[in-house]
């Protein structure tokens, strides 16, 4: 009789172990799916954060896009964004004022010198437009006299 009892317990133990392994595999599968989804969500959040950071960083420039400003505003914009770049250096973007292109702040003083050909009259009116490349990077800011 003992042999029948032992042979009957062995399949029950084997079935219990098989059920335990099956439950463990299901739980591990669910964890892998959750990990994959969390990874995708993390990538999406990171991309959105990068876009938001770029928007915030460029907000001080983009606020001028399509805006009418005075010559004083143009000179202040020039000094703020290209004033620290000396001759031989290149700024992050080109500023075009009345058809003349500037890539550094070397000629900042001539914008305020009334005897200079590149003089910007403080009360003159300008319309600004901002140009971006295919990657969304600002390449040029143009001030056109109205």
Foldseek 3Di string as FASTA:
>chain_A
DVVVVVVVVVVVVVVVVVVVVVVVVVVVVVVVVVVVVVVVVVVVVVVVVVVVVVCVVCVVVVVQAQHKDFLLVVLVVCCVQAVVFAPPGFTQAWEAEQRDIDGHNHCSVLCCDPVHPNHGDRGWMWRWHWDADPVRRTHYIYTHTD
